[in-house]
């Protein structure tokens, strides 16, 4: 997600403080660049990703989801590592939706590109998504665009 052309900042276990009495650190956060000061980041990220495996305290996870959504997080993706590959998407005022490994996730206004669910589990899929994003950051739509540009320059 960090490589998405529209992402300016992301963090792993970055600490956010939605209010003076609450501290939350999503596994992965996508947010505007925080101020350059030490300590917790005020507010919440627009997109938070939580990885849930065996032993996950579901009550704590539900509390975290509710607090983040109430404080302004737009999307929370819960990546379930146990059982079939799937992601639960939580958004304020919308019923939770489950996505399978063959689906893609979107976060309009946060990420430019859809994220294949498989890329959250599979390294090769993640590399493909990252390559697409990095090429777009350099002005190319995809690898075929790079090859066409190279062929044009080779003939010039």
N, C-alpha and C. Protein backbone atom coordinates (compact mmCIF):
# COMPACT_ATOMS: atom_id res chain seq x y z
N UNK A 1 0.82 -1.19 0.00
CA UNK A 1 0.00 0.00 0.00
C UNK A 1 0.86 1.26 0.00
N UNK A 2 2.01 1.17 0.65
CA UNK A 2 2.90 2.33 0.72
C UNK A 2 3.33 2.78 -0.67
N UNK A 3 3.41 1.85 -1.61
CA UNK A 3 3.86 2.20 -2.96
C UNK A 3 2.76 2.83 -3.81
N UNK A 4 1.51 2.79 -3.38
CA UNK A 4 0.41 3.36 -4.15
C UNK A 4 0.73 4.82 -4.49
N UNK A 5 0.50 5.22 -5.74
CA UNK A 5 0.87 6.58 -6.15
C UNK A 5 0.23 7.71 -5.34
N UNK A 6 -0.90 7.45 -4.72
CA UNK A 6 -1.57 8.50 -3.94
C UNK A 6 -1.18 8.51 -2.46
N UNK A 7 -0.37 7.55 -2.03
CA UNK A 7 0.00 7.46 -0.62
C UNK A 7 1.25 8.31 -0.37
N UNK A 8 1.11 9.24 0.57
CA UNK A 8 2.25 10.07 0.97
C UNK A 8 2.97 9.51 2.19
N UNK A 9 2.24 8.74 3.01
CA UNK A 9 2.84 8.21 4.23
C UNK A 9 2.08 6.96 4.67
N UNK A 10 2.82 6.00 5.16
CA UNK A 10 2.21 4.84 5.80
C UNK A 10 3.12 4.41 6.93
N UNK A 11 2.56 3.70 7.89
CA UNK A 11 3.35 3.28 9.03
C UNK A 11 2.97 1.90 9.50
N UNK A 12 3.92 1.23 10.10
CA UNK A 12 3.69 -0.08 10.71
C UNK A 12 3.70 0.12 12.22
N UNK A 13 2.62 -0.27 12.86
CA UNK A 13 2.47 -0.10 14.31
C UNK A 13 2.65 1.36 14.75
N UNK A 14 2.29 2.29 13.88
CA UNK A 14 2.37 3.71 14.25
C UNK A 14 1.28 4.01 15.27
N UNK A 15 1.63 4.73 16.31
CA UNK A 15 0.69 5.02 17.38
C UNK A 15 -0.14 6.26 17.10
N UNK A 16 -1.45 6.11 17.20
CA UNK A 16 -2.38 7.22 16.99
C UNK A 16 -3.15 7.47 18.28
N UNK A 17 -3.48 8.72 18.50
CA UNK A 17 -4.24 9.12 19.68
C UNK A 17 -5.50 9.85 19.22
N UNK A 18 -6.62 9.11 19.10
CA UNK A 18 -7.86 9.76 18.67
C UNK A 18 -8.39 10.76 19.69
N UNK A 19 -8.03 10.56 20.97
CA UNK A 19 -8.37 11.52 22.02
C UNK A 19 -7.35 11.37 23.14
N UNK A 20 -7.43 12.24 24.12
CA UNK A 20 -6.40 12.27 25.17
C UNK A 20 -6.29 10.97 25.96
N UNK A 21 -7.35 10.19 26.01
CA UNK A 21 -7.34 8.98 26.84
C UNK A 21 -7.22 7.68 26.05
N UNK A 22 -7.03 7.77 24.74
CA UNK A 22 -7.01 6.56 23.92
C UNK A 22 -5.78 6.55 23.02
N UNK A 23 -5.12 5.42 22.99
CA UNK A 23 -3.98 5.22 22.10
C UNK A 23 -4.24 3.96 21.29
N UNK A 24 -4.04 4.03 19.98
CA UNK A 24 -4.25 2.88 19.10
C UNK A 24 -3.10 2.80 18.10
N UNK A 25 -2.64 1.59 17.82
CA UNK A 25 -1.56 1.38 16.87
C UNK A 25 -1.96 0.27 15.90
N UNK A 26 -2.62 0.62 14.79
CA UNK A 26 -2.96 -0.41 13.80
C UNK A 26 -1.69 -1.07 13.27
N UNK A 27 -1.83 -2.31 12.81
CA UNK A 27 -0.66 -3.01 12.26
C UNK A 27 -0.07 -2.22 11.09
N UNK A 28 -0.93 -1.72 10.21
CA UNK A 28 -0.51 -0.87 9.09
C UNK A 28 -1.48 0.31 9.02
N UNK A 29 -0.94 1.50 8.81
CA UNK A 29 -1.77 2.70 8.69
C UNK A 29 -1.39 3.45 7.42
N UNK A 30 -2.39 4.00 6.76
CA UNK A 30 -2.16 4.90 5.64
C UNK A 30 -2.81 6.22 6.04
N UNK A 31 -2.00 7.27 6.05
CA UNK A 31 -2.47 8.56 6.57
C UNK A 31 -1.66 9.69 5.94
N UNK A 32 -2.12 10.92 6.10
CA UNK A 32 -1.27 12.04 5.70
C UNK A 32 0.01 12.03 6.52
N UNK A 33 1.08 12.61 6.00
CA UNK A 33 2.33 12.62 6.78
C UNK A 33 2.11 13.28 8.15
N UNK A 34 2.56 12.61 9.21
CA UNK A 34 2.38 13.19 10.55
C UNK A 34 3.38 14.31 10.80
N UNK A 35 3.10 15.14 11.79
CA UNK A 35 4.07 16.18 12.15
C UNK A 35 5.40 15.55 12.56
N UNK A 36 6.46 16.28 12.37
CA UNK A 36 7.79 15.76 12.71
C UNK A 36 8.10 15.98 14.19
N UNK A 37 7.32 15.34 15.02
CA UNK A 37 7.57 15.41 16.46
C UNK A 37 7.45 14.01 17.03
N UNK A 38 8.12 13.79 18.12
CA UNK A 38 8.08 12.47 18.75
C UNK A 38 6.75 12.27 19.45
N UNK A 39 6.40 11.01 19.61
CA UNK A 39 5.18 10.69 20.33
C UNK A 39 4.08 10.20 19.42
N UNK A 40 2.93 10.03 20.00
CA UNK A 40 1.77 9.53 19.29
C UNK A 40 1.26 10.56 18.29
N UNK A 41 0.66 10.08 17.23
CA UNK A 41 0.11 10.94 16.18
C UNK A 41 -1.33 11.28 16.57
N UNK A 42 -1.65 12.56 16.57
CA UNK A 42 -3.01 12.98 16.90
C UNK A 42 -3.98 12.53 15.82
N UNK A 43 -5.14 12.07 16.23
CA UNK A 43 -6.17 11.65 15.29
C UNK A 43 -6.07 10.17 14.97
N UNK A 44 -6.59 9.80 13.81
CA UNK A 44 -6.59 8.40 13.37
C UNK A 44 -6.26 8.35 11.88
N UNK A 45 -5.79 7.20 11.41
CA UNK A 45 -5.50 7.08 9.98
C UNK A 45 -6.79 6.87 9.18
N UNK A 46 -6.85 7.36 7.95
CA UNK A 46 -8.02 7.09 7.12
C UNK A 46 -8.18 5.60 6.79
N UNK A 47 -7.04 4.90 6.67
CA UNK A 47 -7.07 3.45 6.39
C UNK A 47 -6.19 2.74 7.41
N UNK A 48 -6.78 1.75 8.07
CA UNK A 48 -6.04 0.93 9.04
C UNK A 48 -6.17 -0.52 8.63
N UNK A 49 -5.07 -1.27 8.77
CA UNK A 49 -5.07 -2.69 8.45
C UNK A 49 -4.64 -3.45 9.70
N UNK A 50 -5.42 -4.45 10.04
CA UNK A 50 -5.10 -5.32 11.18
C UNK A 50 -4.94 -6.75 10.68
N UNK A 51 -3.88 -7.40 11.10
CA UNK A 51 -3.68 -8.82 10.80
C UNK A 51 -4.13 -9.62 12.01
N UNK A 52 -5.07 -10.55 11.81
CA UNK A 52 -5.63 -11.33 12.90
C UNK A 52 -5.31 -12.81 12.69
N UNK A 53 -4.70 -13.41 13.69
CA UNK A 53 -4.30 -14.81 13.61
C UNK A 53 -4.86 -15.55 14.81
N UNK A 54 -4.50 -16.81 14.95
CA UNK A 54 -4.93 -17.58 16.11
C UNK A 54 -4.48 -16.85 17.36
N UNK A 55 -5.33 -16.86 18.36
CA UNK A 55 -5.00 -16.19 19.61
C UNK A 55 -5.40 -14.73 19.63
N UNK A 56 -5.93 -14.24 18.51
CA UNK A 56 -6.38 -12.84 18.47
C UNK A 56 -7.51 -12.65 19.48
N UNK A 57 -7.40 -11.65 20.30
CA UNK A 57 -8.47 -11.33 21.24
C UNK A 57 -9.54 -10.58 20.45
N UNK A 58 -10.61 -11.28 20.10
CA UNK A 58 -11.65 -10.71 19.24
C UNK A 58 -12.37 -9.54 19.90
N UNK A 59 -12.55 -9.60 21.20
CA UNK A 59 -13.21 -8.49 21.90
C UNK A 59 -12.36 -7.22 21.80
N UNK A 60 -11.05 -7.36 21.99
CA UNK A 60 -10.15 -6.20 21.86
C UNK A 60 -10.15 -5.66 20.43
N UNK A 61 -10.15 -6.58 19.46
CA UNK A 61 -10.17 -6.16 18.06
C UNK A 61 -11.45 -5.39 17.75
N UNK A 62 -12.59 -5.90 18.18
CA UNK A 62 -13.86 -5.21 17.94
C UNK A 62 -13.88 -3.83 18.59
N UNK A 63 -13.34 -3.74 19.79
CA UNK A 63 -13.26 -2.44 20.48
C UNK A 63 -12.39 -1.46 19.68
N UNK A 64 -11.26 -1.95 19.21
CA UNK A 64 -10.35 -1.12 18.42
C UNK A 64 -11.04 -0.63 17.14
N UNK A 65 -11.74 -1.53 16.47
CA UNK A 65 -12.46 -1.18 15.24
C UNK A 65 -13.49 -0.09 15.53
N UNK A 66 -14.28 -0.29 16.56
CA UNK A 66 -15.32 0.70 16.90
C UNK A 66 -14.72 2.05 17.24
N UNK A 67 -13.64 2.05 18.03
CA UNK A 67 -13.01 3.32 18.42
C UNK A 67 -12.43 4.04 17.20
N UNK A 68 -11.74 3.31 16.34
CA UNK A 68 -11.15 3.95 15.17
C UNK A 68 -12.22 4.50 14.24
N UNK A 69 -13.27 3.73 13.98
CA UNK A 69 -14.34 4.21 13.11
C UNK A 69 -15.04 5.42 13.72
N UNK A 70 -15.30 5.38 15.01
CA UNK A 70 -15.97 6.51 15.68
C UNK A 70 -15.11 7.77 15.63
N UNK A 71 -13.79 7.60 15.62
CA UNK A 71 -12.88 8.75 15.61
C UNK A 71 -12.58 9.26 14.21
N UNK A 72 -13.04 8.54 13.16
CA UNK A 72 -12.87 9.06 11.81
C UNK A 72 -12.13 8.18 10.82
N UNK A 73 -11.65 7.02 11.24
CA UNK A 73 -11.03 6.12 10.26
C UNK A 73 -12.10 5.72 9.26
N UNK A 74 -11.77 5.80 7.97
CA UNK A 74 -12.76 5.51 6.94
C UNK A 74 -12.89 4.02 6.64
N UNK A 75 -11.75 3.31 6.64
CA UNK A 75 -11.76 1.88 6.33
C UNK A 75 -10.82 1.16 7.28
N UNK A 76 -11.27 -0.01 7.73
CA UNK A 76 -10.41 -0.92 8.48
C UNK A 76 -10.48 -2.26 7.78
N UNK A 77 -9.32 -2.74 7.36
CA UNK A 77 -9.23 -4.04 6.72
C UNK A 77 -8.66 -5.02 7.74
N UNK A 78 -9.41 -6.06 8.05
CA UNK A 78 -8.94 -7.10 8.96
C UNK A 78 -8.56 -8.30 8.10
N UNK A 79 -7.27 -8.57 8.04
CA UNK A 79 -6.73 -9.67 7.25
C UNK A 79 -6.71 -10.91 8.14
N UNK A 80 -7.53 -11.88 7.79
CA UNK A 80 -7.65 -13.11 8.59
C UNK A 80 -6.61 -14.13 8.13
N UNK A 81 -5.68 -14.43 9.01
CA UNK A 81 -4.58 -15.34 8.67
C UNK A 81 -4.90 -16.80 8.95
N UNK A 82 -5.98 -17.05 9.66
CA UNK A 82 -6.40 -18.41 9.98
C UNK A 82 -7.60 -18.77 9.11
N UNK A 83 -7.57 -19.96 8.54
CA UNK A 83 -8.68 -20.38 7.68
C UNK A 83 -8.48 -19.88 6.27
N UNK A 84 -9.57 -19.83 5.50
CA UNK A 84 -9.46 -19.36 4.11
C UNK A 84 -8.93 -17.92 4.07
N UNK A 85 -8.14 -17.62 3.05
CA UNK A 85 -7.62 -16.25 2.90
C UNK A 85 -8.80 -15.31 2.67
N UNK A 86 -8.92 -14.33 3.54
CA UNK A 86 -10.03 -13.40 3.43
C UNK A 86 -9.70 -12.12 4.18
N UNK A 87 -10.43 -11.07 3.82
CA UNK A 87 -10.30 -9.78 4.49
C UNK A 87 -11.70 -9.28 4.82
N UNK A 88 -11.85 -8.80 6.03
CA UNK A 88 -13.11 -8.17 6.45
C UNK A 88 -12.91 -6.67 6.35
N UNK A 89 -13.83 -6.01 5.67
CA UNK A 89 -13.74 -4.55 5.51
C UNK A 89 -14.82 -3.90 6.37
N UNK A 90 -14.36 -3.03 7.25
CA UNK A 90 -15.25 -2.29 8.15
C UNK A 90 -15.23 -0.82 7.72
N UNK A 91 -16.39 -0.22 7.69
CA UNK A 91 -16.52 1.21 7.40
C UNK A 91 -17.69 1.74 8.22
N UNK A 92 -17.59 2.99 8.62
CA UNK A 92 -18.62 3.57 9.47
C UNK A 92 -19.98 3.58 8.76
N UNK A 93 -20.98 3.11 9.48
CA UNK A 93 -22.34 3.14 8.95
C UNK A 93 -22.64 2.10 7.89
N UNK A 94 -21.69 1.21 7.64
CA UNK A 94 -21.86 0.18 6.62
C UNK A 94 -21.60 -1.18 7.26
N UNK A 95 -22.39 -2.14 6.88
CA UNK A 95 -22.20 -3.49 7.41
C UNK A 95 -20.86 -4.06 6.94
N UNK A 96 -20.18 -4.79 7.81
CA UNK A 96 -18.90 -5.40 7.47
C UNK A 96 -19.08 -6.32 6.26
N UNK A 97 -18.08 -6.26 5.35
CA UNK A 97 -18.10 -7.13 4.17
C UNK A 97 -16.86 -8.00 4.17
N UNK A 98 -17.02 -9.24 3.70
CA UNK A 98 -15.89 -10.17 3.59
C UNK A 98 -15.49 -10.29 2.12
N UNK A 99 -14.18 -10.31 1.91
CA UNK A 99 -13.63 -10.46 0.57
C UNK A 99 -12.71 -11.67 0.56
N UNK A 100 -12.78 -12.45 -0.51
CA UNK A 100 -11.96 -13.65 -0.63
C UNK A 100 -10.67 -13.33 -1.38
N UNK A 101 -9.80 -14.32 -1.47
CA UNK A 101 -8.49 -14.15 -2.10
C UNK A 101 -8.60 -13.72 -3.56
N UNK A 102 -9.70 -14.01 -4.22
CA UNK A 102 -9.85 -13.64 -5.63
C UNK A 102 -10.41 -12.23 -5.82
N UNK A 103 -10.75 -11.55 -4.74
CA UNK A 103 -11.33 -10.21 -4.81
C UNK A 103 -10.26 -9.13 -4.74
N UNK A 104 -10.70 -7.90 -4.95
CA UNK A 104 -9.82 -6.74 -4.77
C UNK A 104 -10.48 -5.78 -3.79
N UNK A 105 -9.65 -5.03 -3.09
CA UNK A 105 -10.12 -4.04 -2.12
C UNK A 105 -9.87 -2.65 -2.66
N UNK A 106 -10.75 -1.73 -2.32
CA UNK A 106 -10.57 -0.34 -2.73
C UNK A 106 -10.70 0.55 -1.50
N UNK A 107 -10.04 1.69 -1.58
CA UNK A 107 -10.15 2.71 -0.54
C UNK A 107 -10.16 4.06 -1.26
N UNK A 108 -11.31 4.42 -1.85
CA UNK A 108 -11.40 5.65 -2.63
C UNK A 108 -10.97 6.88 -1.81
N UNK A 109 -10.19 7.73 -2.46
CA UNK A 109 -9.71 8.93 -1.80
C UNK A 109 -8.48 8.69 -0.93
N UNK A 110 -8.08 7.43 -0.79
CA UNK A 110 -6.90 7.09 0.01
C UNK A 110 -5.88 6.38 -0.87
N UNK A 111 -6.34 5.36 -1.58
CA UNK A 111 -5.49 4.60 -2.50
C UNK A 111 -5.99 4.82 -3.92
N UNK A 112 -5.07 5.01 -4.85
CA UNK A 112 -5.46 5.15 -6.25
C UNK A 112 -5.86 3.80 -6.85
N UNK A 113 -5.09 2.78 -6.50
CA UNK A 113 -5.27 1.48 -7.12
C UNK A 113 -5.95 0.48 -6.20
N UNK A 114 -6.72 -0.42 -6.79
CA UNK A 114 -7.28 -1.51 -5.98
C UNK A 114 -6.15 -2.42 -5.49
N UNK A 115 -6.37 -3.05 -4.36
CA UNK A 115 -5.39 -3.96 -3.78
C UNK A 115 -5.95 -5.38 -3.88
N UNK A 116 -5.28 -6.25 -4.62
CA UNK A 116 -5.74 -7.64 -4.65
C UNK A 116 -5.64 -8.25 -3.24
N UNK A 117 -6.71 -8.88 -2.79
CA UNK A 117 -6.66 -9.52 -1.47
C UNK A 117 -5.48 -10.48 -1.41
N UNK A 118 -5.24 -11.18 -2.48
CA UNK A 118 -4.13 -12.15 -2.52
C UNK A 118 -2.80 -11.47 -2.20
N UNK A 119 -2.65 -10.18 -2.55
CA UNK A 119 -1.39 -9.47 -2.30
C UNK A 119 -1.14 -9.25 -0.81
N UNK A 120 -2.17 -9.39 0.01
CA UNK A 120 -1.99 -9.25 1.45
C UNK A 120 -1.51 -10.56 2.09
N UNK A 121 -1.48 -11.63 1.29
CA UNK A 121 -1.06 -12.94 1.78
C UNK A 121 0.14 -13.49 1.02
N UNK A 122 0.23 -13.17 -0.26
CA UNK A 122 1.17 -13.82 -1.16
C UNK A 122 2.23 -12.82 -1.65
N UNK A 123 3.48 -13.16 -1.44
CA UNK A 123 4.58 -12.25 -1.77
C UNK A 123 4.63 -11.91 -3.26
N UNK A 124 4.45 -12.90 -4.11
CA UNK A 124 4.51 -12.67 -5.56
C UNK A 124 3.40 -11.71 -6.00
N UNK A 125 2.21 -11.91 -5.49
CA UNK A 125 1.10 -11.00 -5.80
C UNK A 125 1.39 -9.59 -5.28
N UNK A 126 1.98 -9.51 -4.11
CA UNK A 126 2.34 -8.21 -3.54
C UNK A 126 3.38 -7.52 -4.42
N UNK A 127 4.34 -8.28 -4.94
CA UNK A 127 5.36 -7.70 -5.82
C UNK A 127 4.74 -7.15 -7.09
N UNK A 128 3.78 -7.87 -7.67
CA UNK A 128 3.12 -7.39 -8.89
C UNK A 128 2.39 -6.06 -8.62
N UNK A 129 1.67 -6.00 -7.51
CA UNK A 129 0.95 -4.77 -7.17
C UNK A 129 1.93 -3.63 -6.91
N UNK A 130 3.02 -3.93 -6.24
CA UNK A 130 4.03 -2.91 -5.95
C UNK A 130 4.67 -2.40 -7.24
N UNK A 131 4.99 -3.30 -8.16
CA UNK A 131 5.58 -2.88 -9.43
C UNK A 131 4.65 -1.94 -10.18
N UNK A 132 3.37 -2.30 -10.26
CA UNK A 132 2.39 -1.43 -10.92
C UNK A 132 2.40 -0.05 -10.27
N UNK A 133 2.37 -0.02 -8.95
CA UNK A 133 2.33 1.26 -8.24
C UNK A 133 3.59 2.08 -8.48
N UNK A 134 4.74 1.44 -8.43
CA UNK A 134 6.00 2.17 -8.63
C UNK A 134 6.11 2.70 -10.05
N UNK A 135 5.67 1.91 -11.02
CA UNK A 135 5.68 2.39 -12.41
C UNK A 135 4.77 3.61 -12.55
N UNK A 136 3.61 3.57 -11.92
CA UNK A 136 2.69 4.71 -11.99
C UNK A 136 3.29 5.94 -11.31
N UNK A 137 4.04 5.74 -10.26
CA UNK A 137 4.71 6.88 -9.61
C UNK A 137 5.70 7.55 -10.56
N UNK A 138 6.21 6.78 -11.53
CA UNK A 138 7.17 7.31 -12.50
C UNK A 138 6.51 7.72 -13.81
N UNK A 139 5.18 7.68 -13.86
CA UNK A 139 4.48 8.16 -15.04
C UNK A 139 4.10 7.09 -16.06
N UNK A 140 4.33 5.83 -15.75
CA UNK A 140 3.97 4.74 -16.65
C UNK A 140 2.74 4.03 -16.10
N UNK A 141 1.83 3.66 -16.97
CA UNK A 141 0.63 2.97 -16.51
C UNK A 141 0.93 1.54 -16.06
N UNK A 142 1.82 0.88 -16.82
CA UNK A 142 2.15 -0.51 -16.52
C UNK A 142 3.46 -0.87 -17.20
N UNK A 143 3.89 -2.12 -17.06
CA UNK A 143 5.15 -2.56 -17.64
C UNK A 143 5.13 -2.47 -19.16
N UNK A 144 3.99 -2.75 -19.78
CA UNK A 144 3.88 -2.65 -21.24
C UNK A 144 4.17 -1.22 -21.70
N UNK A 145 3.77 -0.23 -20.92
CA UNK A 145 4.04 1.18 -21.26
C UNK A 145 5.54 1.45 -21.23
N UNK A 146 6.24 0.87 -20.28
CA UNK A 146 7.69 1.04 -20.20
C UNK A 146 8.35 0.42 -21.43
N UNK A 147 7.90 -0.77 -21.80
CA UNK A 147 8.48 -1.46 -22.96
C UNK A 147 8.22 -0.68 -24.24
N UNK A 148 7.02 -0.13 -24.39
CA UNK A 148 6.72 0.68 -25.58
C UNK A 148 7.60 1.92 -25.62
N UNK A 149 7.77 2.57 -24.49
CA UNK A 149 8.62 3.77 -24.44
C UNK A 149 10.06 3.42 -24.78
N UNK A 150 10.53 2.29 -24.29
CA UNK A 150 11.89 1.85 -24.61
C UNK A 150 12.05 1.55 -26.09
N UNK A 151 11.04 0.92 -26.68
CA UNK A 151 11.10 0.60 -28.11
C UNK A 151 11.11 1.88 -28.94
N UNK A 152 10.31 2.88 -28.54
CA UNK A 152 10.29 4.16 -29.27
C UNK A 152 11.65 4.85 -29.18
N UNK A 153 12.24 4.86 -28.02
CA UNK A 153 13.55 5.50 -27.85
C UNK A 153 14.62 4.75 -28.62
N UNK A 154 14.50 3.44 -28.70
CA UNK A 154 15.48 2.63 -29.42
C UNK A 154 15.44 2.88 -30.92
N UNK A 155 14.29 3.32 -31.43
CA UNK A 155 14.14 3.59 -32.86
C UNK A 155 14.41 5.04 -33.20
N UNK A 156 14.54 5.89 -32.21
CA UNK A 156 14.72 7.33 -32.47
C UNK A 156 16.12 7.64 -32.93
